[in-house]
Protein backbone atom coordinates (compact mmCIF):
# COMPACT_ATOMS: atom_id res chain seq x y z
CA MET A 1 0.01 0.03 -0.02
CA LYS A 2 1.19 3.50 -0.74
CA ILE A 3 0.52 6.07 1.99
CA LEU A 4 0.62 9.81 1.78
CA ILE A 5 2.01 11.46 4.90
CA VAL A 6 0.85 15.01 5.42
CA ASN A 7 2.08 17.60 7.93
CA ALA A 8 0.16 20.81 7.50
CA GLY A 9 1.47 23.87 9.22
CA SER A 10 0.02 27.41 9.42
CA SER A 11 1.71 28.36 6.15
CA SER A 12 3.26 25.13 4.93
CA LEU A 13 2.42 21.63 3.82
CA LYS A 14 5.05 18.92 4.03
CA PHE A 15 4.45 15.58 2.51
CA GLN A 16 5.90 12.10 1.86
CA LEU A 17 4.66 9.33 -0.36
CA ILE A 18 5.77 5.96 1.03
CA ASP A 19 5.43 2.46 -0.46
CA MET A 20 4.71 0.38 2.65
CA ASP A 21 5.42 -2.86 0.79
CA ASN A 22 9.13 -2.05 1.24
CA GLU A 23 8.97 1.14 3.38
CA LYS A 24 10.64 3.21 0.76
CA VAL A 25 10.02 6.91 0.21
CA ILE A 26 8.75 7.43 -3.36
CA ALA A 27 8.61 11.21 -3.24
CA LYS A 28 8.55 13.99 -0.70
CA GLY A 29 8.54 17.73 -0.44
CA ILE A 30 7.07 20.89 0.94
CA CYS A 31 4.78 23.69 -0.09
CA GLU A 32 6.07 26.82 1.73
CA ASP A 33 4.52 30.35 2.38
CA VAL A 34 1.03 29.06 1.54
CA GLY A 35 -1.26 32.02 1.20
CA ARG A 36 1.55 34.48 0.59
CA ASP A 37 2.89 36.10 -2.54
CA ASN A 38 6.27 34.24 -2.37
CA ALA A 39 4.80 30.64 -2.18
CA SER A 40 7.08 27.97 -3.43
CA PHE A 41 6.91 24.14 -3.97
CA THR A 42 9.97 21.82 -3.52
CA TYR A 43 9.54 18.25 -4.83
CA LYS A 44 12.11 15.39 -4.29
CA VAL A 45 12.32 11.95 -5.86
CA PRO A 46 15.26 9.72 -5.09
CA GLY A 47 17.62 9.48 -8.01
CA ARG A 48 16.24 12.60 -9.73
CA ASP A 49 17.07 16.26 -9.62
CA ASN A 50 14.91 18.22 -7.22
CA TYR A 51 12.05 20.15 -8.81
CA VAL A 52 11.45 23.62 -7.36
CA VAL A 53 8.94 26.11 -8.57
CA ALA A 54 7.50 29.43 -7.31
CA GLN A 55 3.74 29.19 -7.60
CA PRO A 56 0.73 30.82 -5.94
CA MET A 57 -0.98 28.60 -3.45
CA PRO A 58 -3.63 30.72 -1.76
CA THR A 59 -4.99 27.91 0.38
CA HIS A 60 -3.93 24.54 1.77
CA GLY A 61 -6.30 22.94 -0.58
CA GLU A 62 -4.60 24.39 -3.57
CA ALA A 63 -1.19 23.35 -2.17
CA LEU A 64 -2.46 19.77 -1.73
CA GLN A 65 -3.87 19.79 -5.30
CA LEU A 66 -0.44 20.86 -6.55
CA VAL A 67 1.13 17.98 -4.69
CA LEU A 68 -1.30 15.38 -6.12
CA ASP A 69 -0.96 16.80 -9.63
CA THR A 70 2.76 16.64 -9.50
CA LEU A 71 2.72 13.04 -8.12
CA VAL A 72 0.71 11.90 -11.15
CA GLY A 73 2.07 14.39 -13.72
CA LYS A 74 3.81 13.31 -16.92
CA GLU A 75 6.97 15.26 -16.21
CA HIS A 76 7.56 14.56 -12.53
CA GLY A 77 5.00 11.87 -11.65
CA VAL A 78 5.75 8.70 -9.66
CA ILE A 79 2.29 7.08 -9.72
CA ALA A 80 -0.19 6.64 -12.54
CA SER A 81 -3.18 7.77 -10.48
CA VAL A 82 -4.16 9.24 -7.17
CA ASP A 83 -6.14 6.10 -6.67
CA GLU A 84 -2.84 4.30 -6.00
CA ILE A 85 -2.82 6.12 -2.60
CA GLY A 86 -4.42 3.81 -0.06
CA ALA A 87 -4.57 6.15 2.88
CA CYS A 88 -3.33 9.42 4.41
CA GLY A 89 -1.48 9.78 7.64
CA HIS A 90 -1.50 13.12 9.40
CA ARG A 91 0.88 14.57 11.94
CA VAL A 92 -1.27 16.39 14.56
CA LEU A 93 0.32 18.30 17.41
CA HIS A 94 -2.08 18.02 20.27
CA GLY A 95 -4.64 15.32 21.21
CA GLY A 96 -5.02 16.38 24.80
CA GLU A 97 -6.09 13.57 27.18
CA LYS A 98 -8.86 12.22 24.98
CA LEU A 99 -6.65 11.08 22.09
CA SER A 100 -3.61 9.21 23.46
CA GLY A 101 -2.95 7.09 20.47
CA SER A 102 -3.09 7.08 16.61
CA VAL A 103 -6.69 6.95 15.40
CA LEU A 104 -8.89 6.70 12.34
CA VAL A 105 -10.21 10.20 11.66
CA THR A 106 -13.91 10.47 12.27
CA GLU A 107 -16.14 13.57 12.88
CA GLU A 108 -15.70 13.00 16.69
CA VAL A 109 -11.99 12.95 16.23
CA LYS A 110 -11.98 16.19 14.23
CA LYS A 111 -14.10 17.74 17.00
CA ILE A 112 -11.50 16.86 19.60
CA ILE A 113 -8.67 18.11 17.46
CA ASP A 114 -10.57 21.36 17.21
CA GLU A 115 -11.19 21.42 20.98
CA CYS A 116 -7.39 21.20 21.57
CA LYS A 117 -6.69 24.32 19.56
CA ASP A 118 -6.23 26.33 22.75
CA LEU A 119 -3.50 23.98 23.73
CA GLY A 120 -1.90 24.11 20.26
CA PRO A 121 -3.08 27.37 18.65
CA LEU A 122 -0.39 27.46 15.93
CA HIS A 123 -0.63 23.77 14.92
CA ASN A 124 -3.91 22.13 15.58
CA PRO A 125 -6.07 24.36 13.29
CA ALA A 126 -3.60 23.88 10.47
CA ASN A 127 -3.34 20.09 11.13
CA LEU A 128 -7.12 19.91 11.02
CA LYS A 129 -7.23 21.88 7.78
CA GLY A 130 -4.85 19.48 6.23
CA ILE A 131 -7.15 16.56 7.17
CA GLU A 132 -10.16 18.23 5.80
CA GLU A 133 -8.46 19.10 2.48
CA CYS A 134 -7.36 15.50 2.06
CA GLU A 135 -10.90 14.31 2.76
CA LYS A 136 -12.13 16.56 -0.12
CA LEU A 137 -9.58 15.38 -2.66
CA MET A 138 -9.21 11.69 -1.77
CA ASN A 139 -11.75 9.09 -0.79
CA VAL A 140 -9.37 7.12 1.42
CA PRO A 141 -9.01 6.53 5.17
CA GLN A 142 -7.41 9.42 7.14
CA VAL A 143 -5.34 8.64 10.22
CA ALA A 144 -4.21 11.14 12.88
CA VAL A 145 -0.91 10.55 14.75
CA PHE A 146 -0.30 12.81 17.65
CA ASP A 147 2.85 14.47 18.94
CA THR A 148 1.46 14.17 22.35
CA GLY A 149 0.45 10.50 22.10
CA PHE A 150 3.69 8.71 23.06
CA HIS A 151 3.86 10.65 26.37
CA GLN A 152 0.38 9.72 27.66
CA THR A 153 1.90 6.83 29.67
CA MET A 154 3.50 9.18 32.14
CA PRO A 155 2.37 8.71 35.71
CA ASP A 156 0.35 11.50 37.27
CA TYR A 157 3.31 12.56 39.60
CA ALA A 158 5.30 13.22 36.41
CA TYR A 159 2.70 15.07 34.39
CA MET A 160 1.10 17.21 37.13
CA TYR A 161 2.04 20.72 37.99
CA ALA A 162 2.04 22.16 41.53
CA LEU A 163 -0.76 24.53 40.79
CA PRO A 164 -4.24 24.61 42.25
CA TYR A 165 -5.71 21.31 41.27
CA GLU A 166 -8.88 22.98 39.93
CA TYR A 167 -6.84 24.21 36.94
CA TYR A 168 -6.26 20.69 35.92
CA GLU A 169 -9.91 19.86 36.43
CA LYS A 170 -11.18 22.88 34.55
CA TYR A 171 -8.58 23.42 31.83
CA LYS A 172 -6.57 20.21 31.78
CA ILE A 173 -3.38 22.00 32.61
CA ARG A 174 -0.72 19.32 32.82
CA ARG A 175 2.46 18.11 31.16
CA TYR A 176 1.63 16.64 27.71
CA GLY A 177 5.05 16.45 25.95
CA PHE A 178 5.75 16.69 22.19
CA HIS A 179 8.06 15.19 19.57
CA GLY A 180 6.34 11.95 20.61
CA THR A 181 6.75 10.19 17.29
CA SER A 182 10.44 10.93 17.30
CA HIS A 183 11.04 9.78 20.90
CA ARG A 184 8.99 6.65 20.13
CA TYR A 185 11.06 5.86 16.96
CA VAL A 186 14.57 6.36 18.40
CA SER A 187 13.89 4.67 21.71
CA ALA A 188 12.65 1.53 19.73
CA ARG A 189 15.72 1.77 17.44
CA ALA A 190 18.01 2.10 20.53
CA ALA A 191 16.58 -1.15 21.99
CA ALA A 192 17.22 -2.85 18.67
CA MET A 193 20.70 -1.63 18.48
CA LEU A 194 21.34 -3.05 22.06
CA GLY A 195 19.83 -6.41 20.88
CA LYS A 196 16.94 -6.15 23.35
CA LYS A 197 13.15 -5.52 23.32
CA PRO A 198 11.96 -2.01 24.15
CA GLU A 199 10.40 -3.20 27.43
CA GLU A 200 13.84 -4.42 28.55
CA VAL A 201 15.66 -1.12 28.43
CA ASN A 202 15.64 2.33 29.95
CA VAL A 203 16.71 5.09 27.56
CA VAL A 204 17.03 8.95 27.71
CA THR A 205 16.16 10.22 24.26
CA CYS A 206 17.34 13.78 23.27
CA HIS A 207 15.50 15.31 20.39
CA LEU A 208 17.66 18.39 19.70
CA GLY A 209 16.86 20.84 16.94
CA ASN A 210 15.42 24.39 16.71
CA GLY A 211 12.71 22.84 18.86
CA ALA A 212 14.07 20.44 21.53
CA SER A 213 12.90 17.99 24.11
CA LEU A 214 14.15 15.04 26.18
CA ALA A 215 12.27 11.98 27.33
CA ALA A 216 12.84 9.34 29.97
CA VAL A 217 11.65 6.11 28.30
CA LYS A 218 11.32 3.30 30.87
CA GLY A 219 10.67 -0.12 29.53
CA GLY A 220 9.54 1.16 26.20
CA LYS A 221 7.06 3.76 27.68
CA CYS A 222 7.45 7.42 28.29
CA TYR A 223 8.06 7.99 32.00
CA ASP A 224 8.71 11.74 31.83
CA THR A 225 9.51 14.44 29.32
CA THR A 226 10.69 18.04 29.25
CA MET A 227 8.01 19.81 27.30
CA GLY A 228 4.81 20.69 29.05
CA VAL A 229 1.33 22.04 28.21
CA THR A 230 3.02 23.67 25.23
CA PRO A 231 6.35 23.03 23.42
CA LEU A 232 7.86 26.06 25.35
CA GLU A 233 9.03 24.21 28.54
CA GLY A 234 12.31 22.33 29.00
CA ILE A 235 15.71 22.87 27.50
CA MET A 236 16.56 26.13 25.82
CA MET A 237 15.77 26.06 22.06
CA GLY A 238 16.47 28.08 18.93
CA THR A 239 14.12 30.85 19.84
CA ARG A 240 12.21 29.43 22.87
CA CYS A 241 13.41 30.16 26.37
CA GLY A 242 12.67 26.81 27.95
CA ASN A 243 12.64 26.62 31.72
CA ILE A 244 12.72 29.97 33.45
CA ASP A 245 11.70 31.34 36.82
CA PRO A 246 7.98 32.21 36.13
CA ALA A 247 8.26 35.28 38.36
CA ILE A 248 10.32 36.90 35.58
CA ILE A 249 7.20 37.66 33.70
CA PRO A 250 5.31 39.80 36.22
CA TYR A 251 8.67 41.47 36.99
CA LEU A 252 9.18 42.49 33.42
CA MET A 253 5.51 43.60 33.18
CA ARG A 254 5.98 45.91 36.19
CA LYS A 255 9.13 47.31 34.54
CA GLY A 256 7.05 48.09 31.42
CA GLU A 257 8.94 45.70 29.14
CA LEU A 258 5.85 43.50 28.54
CA LYS A 259 2.22 44.66 28.47
CA THR A 260 0.05 41.89 26.97
CA ALA A 261 -0.23 38.14 26.90
CA ASP A 262 0.65 38.22 23.22
CA GLU A 263 3.79 40.19 23.89
CA ILE A 264 4.73 37.69 26.58
CA ASP A 265 4.06 34.76 24.28
CA ASN A 266 6.02 36.33 21.46
CA MET A 267 9.05 37.16 23.61
CA MET A 268 9.30 33.64 25.09
CA ASN A 269 8.65 31.69 21.89
CA LYS A 270 10.26 33.87 19.18
CA LYS A 271 12.90 36.11 20.87
CA SER A 272 14.44 33.99 23.51
CA GLY A 273 16.58 30.81 23.54
CA MET A 274 19.79 30.81 21.54
CA PHE A 275 18.45 33.71 19.50
CA GLY A 276 17.90 35.85 22.59
CA VAL A 277 21.27 35.05 24.31
CA THR A 278 23.35 35.57 21.07
CA GLY A 279 21.41 38.70 20.11
CA GLY A 280 19.95 37.32 16.87
CA ILE A 281 21.49 33.87 16.01
CA SER A 282 19.34 30.71 16.30
CA ASN A 283 21.09 28.50 13.67
CA ASN A 284 23.31 26.07 15.50
CA ARG A 285 25.94 25.87 12.72
CA GLN A 286 26.30 29.68 12.85
CA ILE A 287 26.61 29.47 16.63
CA GLU A 288 29.25 26.73 16.34
CA GLN A 289 31.28 28.87 13.93
CA GLY A 290 30.79 31.95 16.09
CA ALA A 291 32.07 30.12 19.15
CA ARG A 292 35.16 28.97 17.23
CA ASP A 293 35.72 32.61 16.11
CA GLY A 294 35.73 33.71 19.72
CA ASP A 295 32.19 35.22 19.97
CA LYS A 296 31.56 35.21 23.71
CA ARG A 297 27.79 34.91 23.48
CA CYS A 298 28.02 31.92 21.10
CA GLN A 299 30.46 30.33 23.58
CA LEU A 300 28.00 31.11 26.44
CA VAL A 301 25.14 29.40 24.45
CA GLU A 302 27.20 26.20 24.03
CA LYS A 303 28.09 26.19 27.79
CA MET A 304 24.44 26.79 28.81
CA TYR A 305 23.25 24.05 26.46
CA THR A 306 25.76 21.56 27.65
CA HIS A 307 24.91 22.35 31.28
CA GLN A 308 21.20 22.03 30.74
CA LEU A 309 21.55 18.71 28.82
CA THR A 310 23.70 17.28 31.46
CA LYS A 311 21.24 18.21 34.27
CA LEU A 312 18.31 16.84 32.39
CA ILE A 313 19.87 13.63 31.28
CA GLY A 314 21.33 12.99 34.65
CA GLY A 315 18.05 13.69 36.36
CA TYR A 316 16.18 11.23 34.07
CA ILE A 317 18.77 8.57 34.60
CA ALA A 318 18.23 8.98 38.36
CA ALA A 319 14.47 9.07 38.10
CA MET A 320 14.40 5.80 36.17
CA GLY A 321 16.89 4.09 38.53
CA GLY A 322 19.49 3.83 35.74
CA ALA A 323 19.71 3.78 32.01
CA ASP A 324 20.98 1.55 29.32
CA ALA A 325 21.52 4.29 26.61
CA ILE A 326 21.43 7.94 25.87
CA VAL A 327 20.16 8.77 22.37
CA PHE A 328 20.90 11.94 20.38
CA THR A 329 18.59 12.83 17.48
CA GLY A 330 17.28 15.78 15.64
CA GLY A 331 19.24 18.38 13.72
CA ILE A 332 21.60 19.24 16.52
CA GLY A 333 21.58 15.82 18.19
CA GLU A 334 22.59 14.04 14.82
CA ASN A 335 25.00 16.60 13.67
CA ASN A 336 26.81 18.12 16.53
CA PRO A 337 29.58 15.88 17.93
CA GLN A 338 30.70 18.69 20.33
CA TYR A 339 27.59 18.46 22.52
CA ARG A 340 27.77 14.66 22.58
CA SER A 341 31.36 14.66 23.67
CA ALA A 342 30.86 17.43 26.27
CA VAL A 343 27.80 15.65 27.84
CA ALA A 344 29.74 12.36 27.95
CA GLU A 345 32.64 13.97 29.74
CA LYS A 346 30.28 15.44 32.39
CA LEU A 347 28.53 12.08 32.84
CA ALA A 348 31.82 10.14 33.07
CA PHE A 349 31.19 9.51 36.72
CA LEU A 350 28.20 7.33 35.70
CA GLY A 351 30.44 5.28 33.39
CA VAL A 352 29.65 7.11 30.20
CA ALA A 353 32.51 7.04 27.69
CA VAL A 354 32.61 8.06 24.04
CA ASP A 355 34.94 7.03 21.31
CA GLU A 356 35.92 10.36 19.80
CA GLU A 357 36.79 8.84 16.42
CA LYS A 358 33.27 7.25 16.17
CA ASN A 359 31.75 10.43 17.54
CA HIS A 360 33.07 12.46 14.59
CA VAL A 361 29.99 11.68 12.44
CA ARG A 362 26.90 13.63 11.40
CA GLY A 363 23.54 12.14 10.57
CA GLN A 364 24.46 8.44 10.84
CA GLU A 365 23.03 5.76 13.07
CA ILE A 366 25.93 4.62 15.22
CA ASP A 367 26.98 3.57 18.70
CA ILE A 368 29.67 6.08 19.64
CA SER A 369 30.48 4.62 22.96
CA THR A 370 33.71 2.90 24.01
CA PRO A 371 33.53 -0.85 24.67
CA GLU A 372 33.78 -0.31 28.46
CA SER A 373 31.08 2.41 28.63
CA LYS A 374 28.48 1.43 31.20
CA ILE A 375 25.73 3.48 29.48
CA ARG A 376 25.74 3.38 25.62
CA MET A 377 25.66 6.72 23.82
CA LEU A 378 23.83 6.39 20.47
CA VAL A 379 23.24 8.69 17.42
CA ILE A 380 20.03 7.72 15.68
CA PRO A 381 18.54 9.83 12.83
CA THR A 382 14.84 10.10 13.51
CA ASP A 383 12.12 9.12 11.09
CA GLU A 384 8.76 10.47 12.39
CA GLU A 385 7.11 10.00 8.98
CA MET A 386 7.74 6.28 9.11
CA VAL A 387 6.16 6.07 12.52
CA ILE A 388 3.06 7.80 11.08
CA ALA A 389 3.09 5.55 8.06
CA ARG A 390 3.34 2.38 10.10
CA ASP A 391 0.55 3.47 12.48
CA THR A 392 -1.66 4.37 9.45
CA LEU A 393 -1.07 1.04 7.76
CA ALA A 394 -1.87 -0.87 10.97
CA ILE A 395 -5.15 1.01 11.41
CA VAL A 396 -6.20 0.65 7.80
CA ASN A 397 -5.40 -3.02 7.78
CA GLY A 398 -7.45 -3.36 10.98
CA LEU A 399 -10.51 -2.01 9.05
CA LYS A 400 -10.40 -4.90 6.67
CA LYS A 401 -10.67 -7.60 9.47
């Protein structure tokens, strides 16, 4: 079966067409700046030159139609007909407490996704739009896979905040966690690399990119994670502050720096993190270069990031009563040997040891530990789309029984 994976953002639409008979990507790409004058479409097929075109796409529906037309077109097509697509799998940010696993999309499911828009205001409305447009253009099963889903196994003492309990009862304010498909994929791959079943290992997974989160995965299930009600909490990120003293906000408001909820949200989500500390740089490669060139703020970011990573990883290892592996994934996790080496050095007291020659890799699945390391350190490129595709296939096959 061929499955179309769709990730609709507020002004973008990413896609992959995967042949699940061999789990090979047939084509993938992205429609960017949907609804804007500078909209563009990038289309990639293995073994061919990339196809990039600037083309107006006023709506997500028109963006999806462009994707489908290209997939079946004479010049760039990879399938003879849209009818070859057997199902669509959708990445959805927030499922709240009601949707804790991947599900076949129904009217009730769409209603719940819409209800969760207050928890994911930038993503859930766009994710729902992507589902609705696929329903209009293709008469195939639609499956929703949630970023929050993998984390719904956390115990209450891990997901609850020390706020008045009525806020949880009224507004469901609790830790939800994100990047769930990534943490799920790499924790399972880690177990496989160790020659064990997921339920036999404890793993700390570090999804590090412009957005970043860590998870304690105990016996194949999420035990704790760093992101919270929203993707703002946790380690510092490209433009997000991560954990801060919450009293900073009323203090800045009294000083006149911040006046409205929107200003607060914008400052913490778009002007903080690496961008805020460096004074305008959020790209990790630029920060790496700046640090090498002697830029004090870039050097400070690297020290802050290493310190925070060490605290979070060490804390999760303690909370789980030990760990078999630490996994690095995501754009930074897969491609920055420096952070992996620095964290290993700080965790040496736990028996973590890295082979520096093996560590000098980017974007490869590899065990970078020394033979005597008591906790393995693994680099595993994530594949969230494959998780979505596998869940979609399983649900669709279940409909046939």
